[in-house]
Each structure stands twice: as C-alpha cells, then as structure tokens.
Amino acid sequence: MRTTLLTLCLALGVLTVACANAPAPAPTAPPDTRAADVQAVKDVEAAWMKDAASKDADKWASYFTEDGSGLYPGAATLNGKAAIKAAMAPMLADPNFSLSFQSNRAVASKGGDMVYTEGTYTMTTTNPKTKKPITDKGKFLTVYAKQADGSWKAIADTFNSDSHM
C-alpha cells in the first residue's frame, strides 16, 4: 500500500511538473475585418450622400464624432460636431445646393478601428456674385473611427476643388 501511494505521489508530481513546463498556447490573431469595415463605411457614405439631399444640418453633423474636425477650403478648422453643423447650415440652406460623392479608395486598419476614404465629389451651390448655380468638382479625404456601438463616424473630413477659383 505504501509503495502504491508513493508511486501515485511520484506520478502526480511528474504530471504537475510536466504541466507547469508546457508551453503556453500561442495567442490567436484577431480576425481580419478589413473588408467588412470598408463595406460598412461605404454604406455610411451612401447614407450620408442621401441625407445631404435633405439639406438637414443635424443629419449632416450626425456623421461626425463629437470631437470630429472639418478642414474645408477658405475656413478655419472646424472642431466638433456643433461647429461643423453651424458652418454647414448656410450651405445646406442654399436652394441650389446639391452634392454627390464617390469614394474610389478605402483603406481599413488591421486593428479594425479606422478607415479612410478618398474620392471625388460634384457640388452645386449659388454663386454669391451672380446668384446663379455654379458646379464645382474636386476630391475629398475622410477618416472614420469605429465607435463603441460598432458604428462608424467621421473624425476628420476635408475636400478641395479641382478648379483654380
């Protein structure tokens, strides 16, 4: 009985040492969500363009984070959703305002928390001098951050004209 108990204790000790020295399992890489992230942002941009047609400054600003930035031509940097809304309201109130845009490149981070898009836009507004509609074409760059609820919001948005105004 004593020999059996000693053998059992010895076997248990060897097993304990073997388990303690076993290599830890390798950490698994997080899943690659870049394609899904890019598609989610493209869906956001499609909704944003549709909402731009409503000419609603609240809807426009809703696509930004609270601390988002608008870096637009001829203006100081707009910091925060409220500043972006206030700056966009007069443009959206223009009866001739219309906007279409199309991203031609979208890149997602491997970490799954950021996406940027770049593309082209066409925007019509009223010329302040002639009071007639004027159409501008140009390019844009928008950086999106994934929010805690899984949605995507713009943290920085900029555009510039192709014309030499």
N, C-alpha and C. Protein backbone atom coordinates (compact mmCIF):
# COMPACT_ATOMS: atom_id res chain seq x y z
N MET A 1 0.83 -1.18 0.00
CA MET A 1 0.00 0.00 0.00
C MET A 1 0.88 1.25 0.00
N ARG A 2 1.94 1.18 0.81
CA ARG A 2 2.86 2.31 0.89
C ARG A 2 3.53 2.54 -0.46
N THR A 3 3.92 1.48 -1.14
CA THR A 3 4.58 1.57 -2.44
C THR A 3 3.61 2.14 -3.47
N THR A 4 2.36 1.75 -3.43
CA THR A 4 1.36 2.26 -4.37
C THR A 4 1.13 3.74 -4.14
N LEU A 5 1.06 4.15 -2.89
CA LEU A 5 0.86 5.56 -2.56
C LEU A 5 2.07 6.39 -2.99
N LEU A 6 3.27 5.87 -2.76
CA LEU A 6 4.49 6.56 -3.17
C LEU A 6 4.54 6.68 -4.69
N THR A 7 4.18 5.62 -5.41
CA THR A 7 4.17 5.64 -6.88
C THR A 7 3.14 6.65 -7.38
N LEU A 8 1.98 6.69 -6.75
CA LEU A 8 0.94 7.63 -7.14
C LEU A 8 1.37 9.07 -6.90
N CYS A 9 2.00 9.33 -5.78
CA CYS A 9 2.50 10.69 -5.47
C CYS A 9 3.59 11.09 -6.46
N LEU A 10 4.49 10.15 -6.77
CA LEU A 10 5.56 10.43 -7.72
C LEU A 10 4.98 10.73 -9.10
N ALA A 11 3.99 9.96 -9.54
CA ALA A 11 3.35 10.18 -10.84
C ALA A 11 2.64 11.53 -10.86
N LEU A 12 1.98 11.87 -9.77
CA LEU A 12 1.30 13.15 -9.67
C LEU A 12 2.30 14.30 -9.72
N GLY A 13 3.44 14.14 -9.08
CA GLY A 13 4.49 15.16 -9.10
C GLY A 13 5.05 15.35 -10.49
N VAL A 14 5.33 14.24 -11.19
CA VAL A 14 5.84 14.33 -12.57
C VAL A 14 4.83 15.02 -13.47
N LEU A 15 3.56 14.68 -13.31
CA LEU A 15 2.49 15.28 -14.11
C LEU A 15 2.40 16.79 -13.84
N THR A 16 2.51 17.18 -12.58
CA THR A 16 2.45 18.59 -12.21
C THR A 16 3.60 19.36 -12.84
N VAL A 17 4.81 18.83 -12.77
CA VAL A 17 5.98 19.49 -13.36
C VAL A 17 5.83 19.56 -14.88
N ALA A 18 5.36 18.50 -15.49
CA ALA A 18 5.18 18.49 -16.94
C ALA A 18 4.17 19.54 -17.38
N CYS A 19 3.08 19.66 -16.63
CA CYS A 19 2.06 20.66 -16.98
C CYS A 19 2.57 22.07 -16.76
N ALA A 20 3.34 22.27 -15.73
CA ALA A 20 3.87 23.60 -15.43
C ALA A 20 4.87 24.05 -16.49
N ASN A 21 5.59 23.10 -17.08
CA ASN A 21 6.61 23.44 -18.08
C ASN A 21 6.08 23.40 -19.50
N ALA A 22 4.82 23.07 -19.69
CA ALA A 22 4.24 23.02 -21.03
C ALA A 22 4.16 24.43 -21.59
N PRO A 23 4.48 24.59 -22.87
CA PRO A 23 4.41 25.95 -23.44
C PRO A 23 2.97 26.46 -23.47
N ALA A 24 2.84 27.75 -23.22
CA ALA A 24 1.52 28.38 -23.25
C ALA A 24 1.02 28.37 -24.69
N PRO A 25 -0.26 28.24 -24.87
CA PRO A 25 -0.77 28.28 -26.24
C PRO A 25 -0.48 29.64 -26.86
N ALA A 26 -0.16 29.62 -28.13
CA ALA A 26 0.14 30.87 -28.85
C ALA A 26 -1.12 31.71 -28.93
N PRO A 27 -0.98 33.03 -28.73
CA PRO A 27 -2.17 33.89 -28.84
C PRO A 27 -2.69 33.86 -30.28
N THR A 28 -3.98 33.87 -30.40
CA THR A 28 -4.56 33.85 -31.74
C THR A 28 -4.68 35.28 -32.24
N ALA A 29 -4.43 35.46 -33.49
CA ALA A 29 -4.53 36.78 -34.11
C ALA A 29 -6.00 37.17 -34.20
N PRO A 30 -6.28 38.45 -34.00
CA PRO A 30 -7.68 38.86 -34.15
C PRO A 30 -8.13 38.65 -35.59
N PRO A 31 -9.41 38.44 -35.80
CA PRO A 31 -9.89 38.22 -37.16
C PRO A 31 -9.65 39.45 -38.03
N ASP A 32 -9.40 39.22 -39.29
CA ASP A 32 -9.20 40.31 -40.24
C ASP A 32 -10.57 40.81 -40.71
N THR A 33 -10.96 41.98 -40.24
CA THR A 33 -12.28 42.53 -40.55
C THR A 33 -12.21 43.67 -41.57
N ARG A 34 -11.06 43.84 -42.20
CA ARG A 34 -10.89 45.00 -43.09
C ARG A 34 -11.92 45.08 -44.20
N ALA A 35 -12.23 43.99 -44.85
CA ALA A 35 -13.22 44.04 -45.94
C ALA A 35 -14.59 44.44 -45.41
N ALA A 36 -14.98 43.89 -44.28
CA ALA A 36 -16.28 44.24 -43.68
C ALA A 36 -16.28 45.70 -43.20
N ASP A 37 -15.15 46.18 -42.67
CA ASP A 37 -15.06 47.56 -42.22
C ASP A 37 -15.19 48.53 -43.39
N VAL A 38 -14.51 48.23 -44.48
CA VAL A 38 -14.61 49.07 -45.68
C VAL A 38 -16.05 49.09 -46.19
N GLN A 39 -16.70 47.95 -46.23
CA GLN A 39 -18.09 47.90 -46.70
C GLN A 39 -19.00 48.69 -45.77
N ALA A 40 -18.78 48.60 -44.47
CA ALA A 40 -19.60 49.34 -43.51
C ALA A 40 -19.45 50.85 -43.74
N VAL A 41 -18.24 51.31 -44.00
CA VAL A 41 -18.01 52.74 -44.25
C VAL A 41 -18.62 53.15 -45.58
N LYS A 42 -18.53 52.30 -46.59
CA LYS A 42 -19.17 52.62 -47.87
C LYS A 42 -20.69 52.77 -47.67
N ASP A 43 -21.26 51.94 -46.82
CA ASP A 43 -22.69 52.05 -46.52
C ASP A 43 -22.99 53.37 -45.80
N VAL A 44 -22.11 53.76 -44.90
CA VAL A 44 -22.26 55.06 -44.20
C VAL A 44 -22.21 56.20 -45.22
N GLU A 45 -21.26 56.14 -46.14
CA GLU A 45 -21.15 57.20 -47.13
C GLU A 45 -22.38 57.27 -48.04
N ALA A 46 -22.93 56.14 -48.39
CA ALA A 46 -24.15 56.13 -49.22
C ALA A 46 -25.30 56.80 -48.46
N ALA A 47 -25.43 56.50 -47.19
CA ALA A 47 -26.48 57.13 -46.37
C ALA A 47 -26.21 58.62 -46.21
N TRP A 48 -24.94 59.00 -46.03
CA TRP A 48 -24.56 60.40 -45.86
C TRP A 48 -24.93 61.21 -47.10
N MET A 49 -24.60 60.66 -48.27
CA MET A 49 -24.91 61.37 -49.50
C MET A 49 -26.43 61.52 -49.66
N LYS A 50 -27.18 60.48 -49.33
CA LYS A 50 -28.64 60.54 -49.40
C LYS A 50 -29.17 61.60 -48.43
N ASP A 51 -28.62 61.63 -47.22
CA ASP A 51 -29.06 62.62 -46.23
C ASP A 51 -28.64 64.04 -46.61
N ALA A 52 -27.56 64.20 -47.36
CA ALA A 52 -27.15 65.53 -47.81
C ALA A 52 -28.25 66.15 -48.67
N ALA A 53 -28.97 65.33 -49.40
CA ALA A 53 -30.06 65.82 -50.25
C ALA A 53 -31.21 66.39 -49.42
N SER A 54 -31.30 65.98 -48.15
CA SER A 54 -32.35 66.51 -47.29
C SER A 54 -32.04 67.92 -46.81
N LYS A 55 -30.78 68.34 -46.98
CA LYS A 55 -30.31 69.68 -46.60
C LYS A 55 -30.53 69.95 -45.11
N ASP A 56 -30.41 68.92 -44.31
CA ASP A 56 -30.61 69.00 -42.87
C ASP A 56 -29.25 69.02 -42.18
N ALA A 57 -28.92 70.15 -41.55
CA ALA A 57 -27.61 70.30 -40.90
C ALA A 57 -27.43 69.30 -39.76
N ASP A 58 -28.50 68.97 -39.05
CA ASP A 58 -28.39 67.98 -37.97
C ASP A 58 -28.01 66.61 -38.53
N LYS A 59 -28.63 66.23 -39.64
CA LYS A 59 -28.29 64.95 -40.26
C LYS A 59 -26.84 64.96 -40.74
N TRP A 60 -26.44 66.07 -41.36
CA TRP A 60 -25.06 66.19 -41.84
C TRP A 60 -24.09 65.98 -40.69
N ALA A 61 -24.30 66.70 -39.59
CA ALA A 61 -23.39 66.63 -38.45
C ALA A 61 -23.43 65.27 -37.76
N SER A 62 -24.52 64.53 -37.91
CA SER A 62 -24.64 63.24 -37.24
C SER A 62 -23.61 62.22 -37.73
N TYR A 63 -22.99 62.48 -38.85
CA TYR A 63 -21.98 61.56 -39.38
C TYR A 63 -20.60 61.76 -38.77
N PHE A 64 -20.48 62.75 -37.88
CA PHE A 64 -19.21 63.06 -37.23
C PHE A 64 -19.21 62.61 -35.77
N THR A 65 -18.01 62.34 -35.26
CA THR A 65 -17.85 62.13 -33.83
C THR A 65 -18.04 63.49 -33.15
N GLU A 66 -18.28 63.48 -31.85
CA GLU A 66 -18.46 64.73 -31.11
C GLU A 66 -17.26 65.65 -31.27
N ASP A 67 -16.06 65.08 -31.37
CA ASP A 67 -14.84 65.89 -31.49
C ASP A 67 -14.27 65.87 -32.91
N GLY A 68 -15.11 65.54 -33.89
CA GLY A 68 -14.66 65.48 -35.29
C GLY A 68 -14.21 66.84 -35.80
N SER A 69 -13.45 66.81 -36.89
CA SER A 69 -12.92 68.03 -37.50
C SER A 69 -13.33 68.14 -38.95
N GLY A 70 -13.69 69.36 -39.35
CA GLY A 70 -13.93 69.67 -40.74
C GLY A 70 -12.82 70.61 -41.20
N LEU A 71 -12.09 70.22 -42.22
CA LEU A 71 -10.98 71.02 -42.73
C LEU A 71 -11.34 71.44 -44.16
N TYR A 72 -12.08 72.54 -44.25
CA TYR A 72 -12.67 72.92 -45.51
C TYR A 72 -12.01 74.17 -46.07
N PRO A 73 -12.00 74.30 -47.40
CA PRO A 73 -11.32 75.43 -48.05
C PRO A 73 -11.88 76.78 -47.59
N GLY A 74 -10.98 77.72 -47.42
CA GLY A 74 -11.38 79.09 -47.10
C GLY A 74 -11.94 79.28 -45.71
N ALA A 75 -11.71 78.33 -44.83
CA ALA A 75 -12.26 78.43 -43.47
C ALA A 75 -11.25 77.87 -42.47
N ALA A 76 -11.37 78.34 -41.23
CA ALA A 76 -10.56 77.77 -40.16
C ALA A 76 -11.03 76.34 -39.90
N THR A 77 -10.20 75.56 -39.26
CA THR A 77 -10.58 74.19 -38.92
C THR A 77 -11.80 74.22 -38.01
N LEU A 78 -12.76 73.42 -38.36
CA LEU A 78 -13.98 73.30 -37.55
C LEU A 78 -13.77 72.15 -36.58
N ASN A 79 -13.79 72.46 -35.30
CA ASN A 79 -13.57 71.43 -34.28
C ASN A 79 -14.86 71.14 -33.54
N GLY A 80 -15.33 69.91 -33.70
CA GLY A 80 -16.53 69.48 -33.00
C GLY A 80 -17.75 69.47 -33.89
N LYS A 81 -18.65 68.59 -33.54
CA LYS A 81 -19.89 68.39 -34.30
C LYS A 81 -20.71 69.68 -34.38
N ALA A 82 -20.78 70.44 -33.28
CA ALA A 82 -21.58 71.67 -33.26
C ALA A 82 -21.01 72.70 -34.23
N ALA A 83 -19.69 72.84 -34.30
CA ALA A 83 -19.07 73.80 -35.22
C ALA A 83 -19.29 73.38 -36.67
N ILE A 84 -19.22 72.10 -36.94
CA ILE A 84 -19.45 71.60 -38.30
C ILE A 84 -20.89 71.87 -38.70
N LYS A 85 -21.82 71.59 -37.81
CA LYS A 85 -23.24 71.84 -38.09
C LYS A 85 -23.47 73.32 -38.38
N ALA A 86 -22.93 74.18 -37.56
CA ALA A 86 -23.14 75.63 -37.73
C ALA A 86 -22.55 76.12 -39.05
N ALA A 87 -21.40 75.60 -39.43
CA ALA A 87 -20.76 76.04 -40.68
C ALA A 87 -21.48 75.49 -41.91
N MET A 88 -22.04 74.30 -41.81
CA MET A 88 -22.69 73.68 -42.96
C MET A 88 -24.13 74.16 -43.15
N ALA A 89 -24.76 74.66 -42.10
CA ALA A 89 -26.18 75.05 -42.19
C ALA A 89 -26.45 76.05 -43.31
N PRO A 90 -25.66 77.14 -43.45
CA PRO A 90 -25.95 78.08 -44.56
C PRO A 90 -25.78 77.43 -45.94
N MET A 91 -24.76 76.58 -46.08
CA MET A 91 -24.55 75.93 -47.38
C MET A 91 -25.72 75.00 -47.69
N LEU A 92 -26.15 74.24 -46.69
CA LEU A 92 -27.26 73.31 -46.91
C LEU A 92 -28.57 74.04 -47.15
N ALA A 93 -28.69 75.27 -46.65
CA ALA A 93 -29.91 76.06 -46.84
C ALA A 93 -29.98 76.67 -48.24
N ASP A 94 -28.88 76.66 -48.96
CA ASP A 94 -28.83 77.19 -50.33
C ASP A 94 -29.81 76.39 -51.20
N PRO A 95 -30.77 77.04 -51.86
CA PRO A 95 -31.75 76.30 -52.67
C PRO A 95 -31.09 75.53 -53.83
N ASN A 96 -29.92 75.96 -54.27
CA ASN A 96 -29.24 75.27 -55.36
C ASN A 96 -28.27 74.18 -54.88
N PHE A 97 -28.15 74.03 -53.57
CA PHE A 97 -27.18 73.07 -53.06
C PHE A 97 -27.53 71.64 -53.47
N SER A 98 -26.54 70.97 -54.00
CA SER A 98 -26.63 69.52 -54.22
C SER A 98 -25.22 68.97 -54.15
N LEU A 99 -25.12 67.74 -53.75
CA LEU A 99 -23.81 67.12 -53.57
C LEU A 99 -23.89 65.65 -53.93
N SER A 100 -22.91 65.22 -54.67
CA SER A 100 -22.72 63.78 -54.89
C SER A 100 -21.25 63.50 -54.70
N PHE A 101 -20.95 62.37 -54.14
CA PHE A 101 -19.55 62.00 -53.97
C PHE A 101 -19.41 60.49 -54.07
N GLN A 102 -18.24 60.08 -54.46
CA GLN A 102 -17.97 58.67 -54.68
C GLN A 102 -16.54 58.38 -54.24
N SER A 103 -16.39 57.50 -53.27
CA SER A 103 -15.03 57.12 -52.90
C SER A 103 -14.48 56.15 -53.94
N ASN A 104 -13.21 56.35 -54.27
CA ASN A 104 -12.57 55.45 -55.22
C ASN A 104 -11.45 54.66 -54.56
N ARG A 105 -11.24 54.95 -53.27
CA ARG A 105 -10.27 54.19 -52.49
C ARG A 105 -10.72 54.20 -51.04
N ALA A 106 -10.67 53.04 -50.42
CA ALA A 106 -11.00 52.92 -49.00
C ALA A 106 -10.00 51.95 -48.39
N VAL A 107 -9.39 52.36 -47.29
CA VAL A 107 -8.37 51.54 -46.64
C VAL A 107 -8.73 51.41 -45.16
N ALA A 108 -8.77 50.18 -44.69
CA ALA A 108 -9.09 49.91 -43.28
C ALA A 108 -7.83 49.50 -42.54
N SER A 109 -7.76 49.88 -41.28
CA SER A 109 -6.64 49.48 -40.44
C SER A 109 -6.75 47.99 -40.09
N LYS A 110 -5.62 47.36 -39.85
CA LYS A 110 -5.63 45.95 -39.45
C LYS A 110 -6.28 45.79 -38.09
N GLY A 111 -6.22 46.83 -37.26
CA GLY A 111 -6.79 46.77 -35.93
C GLY A 111 -8.31 46.86 -35.91
N GLY A 112 -8.92 47.21 -37.04
CA GLY A 112 -10.37 47.26 -37.13
C GLY A 112 -11.01 48.49 -36.51
N ASP A 113 -10.22 49.56 -36.29
CA ASP A 113 -10.79 50.73 -35.63
C ASP A 113 -10.82 51.99 -36.50
N MET A 114 -10.15 51.96 -37.65
CA MET A 114 -10.14 53.14 -38.52
C MET A 114 -10.22 52.75 -39.98
N VAL A 115 -10.86 53.63 -40.76
CA VAL A 115 -10.94 53.50 -42.21
C VAL A 115 -10.81 54.91 -42.78
N TYR A 116 -10.06 55.04 -43.87
CA TYR A 116 -10.11 56.32 -44.58
C TYR A 116 -10.58 56.08 -45.99
N THR A 117 -11.27 57.08 -46.52
CA THR A 117 -11.72 57.02 -47.91
C THR A 117 -11.25 58.26 -48.63
N GLU A 118 -10.99 58.09 -49.89
CA GLU A 118 -10.71 59.25 -50.74
C GLU A 118 -11.50 59.06 -52.02
N GLY A 119 -11.89 60.17 -52.60
CA GLY A 119 -12.69 60.07 -53.80
C GLY A 119 -12.95 61.42 -54.42
N THR A 120 -14.00 61.49 -55.20
CA THR A 120 -14.35 62.71 -55.93
C THR A 120 -15.75 63.16 -55.56
N TYR A 121 -15.99 64.44 -55.77
CA TYR A 121 -17.32 64.99 -55.48
C TYR A 121 -17.72 65.96 -56.59
N THR A 122 -19.00 66.20 -56.68
CA THR A 122 -19.58 67.26 -57.50
C THR A 122 -20.57 67.98 -56.60
N MET A 123 -20.39 69.30 -56.49
CA MET A 123 -21.26 70.08 -55.61
C MET A 123 -21.75 71.31 -56.37
N THR A 124 -23.04 71.56 -56.25
CA THR A 124 -23.64 72.75 -56.85
C THR A 124 -24.11 73.66 -55.73
N THR A 125 -23.78 74.94 -55.86
CA THR A 125 -24.21 75.97 -54.91
C THR A 125 -24.57 77.22 -55.70
N THR A 126 -25.01 78.24 -55.01
CA THR A 126 -25.32 79.51 -55.67
C THR A 126 -24.08 80.39 -55.62
N ASN A 127 -23.69 80.92 -56.80
CA ASN A 127 -22.58 81.85 -56.86
C ASN A 127 -23.00 83.14 -56.15
N PRO A 128 -22.26 83.58 -55.12
CA PRO A 128 -22.70 84.77 -54.38
C PRO A 128 -22.73 86.05 -55.22
N LYS A 129 -21.91 86.12 -56.26
CA LYS A 129 -21.87 87.33 -57.10
C LYS A 129 -22.98 87.34 -58.14
N THR A 130 -23.13 86.23 -58.86
CA THR A 130 -24.09 86.19 -59.96
C THR A 130 -25.47 85.69 -59.55
N LYS A 131 -25.54 85.07 -58.38
CA LYS A 131 -26.79 84.47 -57.87
C LYS A 131 -27.27 83.31 -58.74
N LYS A 132 -26.38 82.78 -59.56
CA LYS A 132 -26.71 81.65 -60.42
C LYS A 132 -26.01 80.40 -59.89
N PRO A 133 -26.57 79.24 -60.22
CA PRO A 133 -25.93 77.99 -59.78
C PRO A 133 -24.53 77.84 -60.38
N ILE A 134 -23.65 77.34 -59.56
CA ILE A 134 -22.28 77.04 -60.01
C ILE A 134 -21.94 75.63 -59.52
N THR A 135 -21.33 74.86 -60.40
CA THR A 135 -20.98 73.49 -60.05
C THR A 135 -19.47 73.37 -59.92
N ASP A 136 -19.06 72.73 -58.85
CA ASP A 136 -17.65 72.52 -58.56
C ASP A 136 -17.38 71.03 -58.48
N LYS A 137 -16.23 70.64 -58.98
CA LYS A 137 -15.79 69.24 -58.87
C LYS A 137 -14.45 69.23 -58.17
N GLY A 138 -14.23 68.19 -57.39
CA GLY A 138 -12.98 68.10 -56.66
C GLY A 138 -12.78 66.73 -56.03
N LYS A 139 -11.95 66.72 -55.00
CA LYS A 139 -11.62 65.47 -54.33
C LYS A 139 -11.77 65.63 -52.82
N PHE A 140 -11.91 64.50 -52.13
CA PHE A 140 -12.08 64.54 -50.68
C PHE A 140 -11.28 63.44 -50.02
N LEU A 141 -11.08 63.61 -48.72
CA LEU A 141 -10.47 62.60 -47.88
C LEU A 141 -11.22 62.63 -46.55
N THR A 142 -11.70 61.48 -46.11
CA THR A 142 -12.43 61.38 -44.85
C THR A 142 -11.86 60.22 -44.04
N VAL A 143 -11.64 60.47 -42.76
CA VAL A 143 -11.13 59.45 -41.85
C VAL A 143 -12.26 59.09 -40.89
N TYR A 144 -12.53 57.80 -40.78
CA TYR A 144 -13.60 57.29 -39.92
C TYR A 144 -13.01 56.50 -38.77
N ALA A 145 -13.68 56.56 -37.62
CA ALA A 145 -13.30 55.76 -36.46
C ALA A 145 -14.50 54.91 -36.05
N LYS A 146 -14.22 53.68 -35.69
CA LYS A 146 -15.27 52.78 -35.23
C LYS A 146 -15.65 53.20 -33.80
N GLN A 147 -16.94 53.32 -33.58
CA GLN A 147 -17.45 53.74 -32.28
C GLN A 147 -17.71 52.52 -31.38
N ALA A 148 -17.89 52.78 -30.10
CA ALA A 148 -18.12 51.71 -29.12
C ALA A 148 -19.32 50.84 -29.49
N ASP A 149 -20.31 51.45 -30.15
CA ASP A 149 -21.52 50.69 -30.54
C ASP A 149 -21.35 49.97 -31.88
N GLY A 150 -20.16 50.06 -32.48
CA GLY A 150 -19.89 49.38 -33.75
C GLY A 150 -20.16 50.24 -34.98
N SER A 151 -20.74 51.41 -34.79
CA SER A 151 -20.99 52.31 -35.92
C SER A 151 -19.69 53.01 -36.32
N TRP A 152 -19.73 53.63 -37.48
CA TRP A 152 -18.58 54.38 -38.00
C TRP A 152 -18.94 55.85 -38.11
N LYS A 153 -18.05 56.72 -37.61
CA LYS A 153 -18.26 58.16 -37.66
C LYS A 153 -16.99 58.82 -38.19
N ALA A 154 -17.18 59.94 -38.87
CA ALA A 154 -16.04 60.70 -39.39
C ALA A 154 -15.35 61.44 -38.26
N ILE A 155 -14.02 61.32 -38.21
CA ILE A 155 -13.26 62.09 -37.23
C ILE A 155 -12.53 63.24 -37.92
N ALA A 156 -12.39 63.15 -39.22
CA ALA A 156 -11.79 64.24 -40.00
C ALA A 156 -12.31 64.15 -41.43
N ASP A 157 -12.65 65.32 -41.98
CA ASP A 157 -13.20 65.38 -43.34
C ASP A 157 -12.64 66.62 -44.01
N THR A 158 -12.14 66.45 -45.23
CA THR A 158 -11.63 67.59 -45.97
C THR A 158 -11.90 67.39 -47.46
N PHE A 159 -11.94 68.49 -48.18
CA PHE A 159 -12.07 68.42 -49.63
C PHE A 159 -11.40 69.63 -50.24
N ASN A 160 -11.07 69.51 -51.52
CA ASN A 160 -10.58 70.68 -52.26
C ASN A 160 -10.99 70.57 -53.72
N SER A 161 -11.15 71.74 -54.29
CA SER A 161 -11.65 71.87 -55.64
C SER A 161 -10.59 71.55 -56.69
N ASP A 162 -11.04 71.04 -57.82
CA ASP A 162 -10.15 70.85 -58.96
C ASP A 162 -9.99 72.14 -59.75
N SER A 163 -10.86 73.11 -59.52
CA SER A 163 -10.78 74.36 -60.26
C SER A 163 -9.81 75.33 -59.59
N HIS A 164 -9.42 76.35 -60.33
CA HIS A 164 -8.50 77.37 -59.82
C HIS A 164 -9.29 78.61 -59.46
N MET A 165 -10.13 78.47 -58.49
CA MET A 165 -11.03 79.57 -58.13
C MET A 165 -10.28 80.76 -57.60
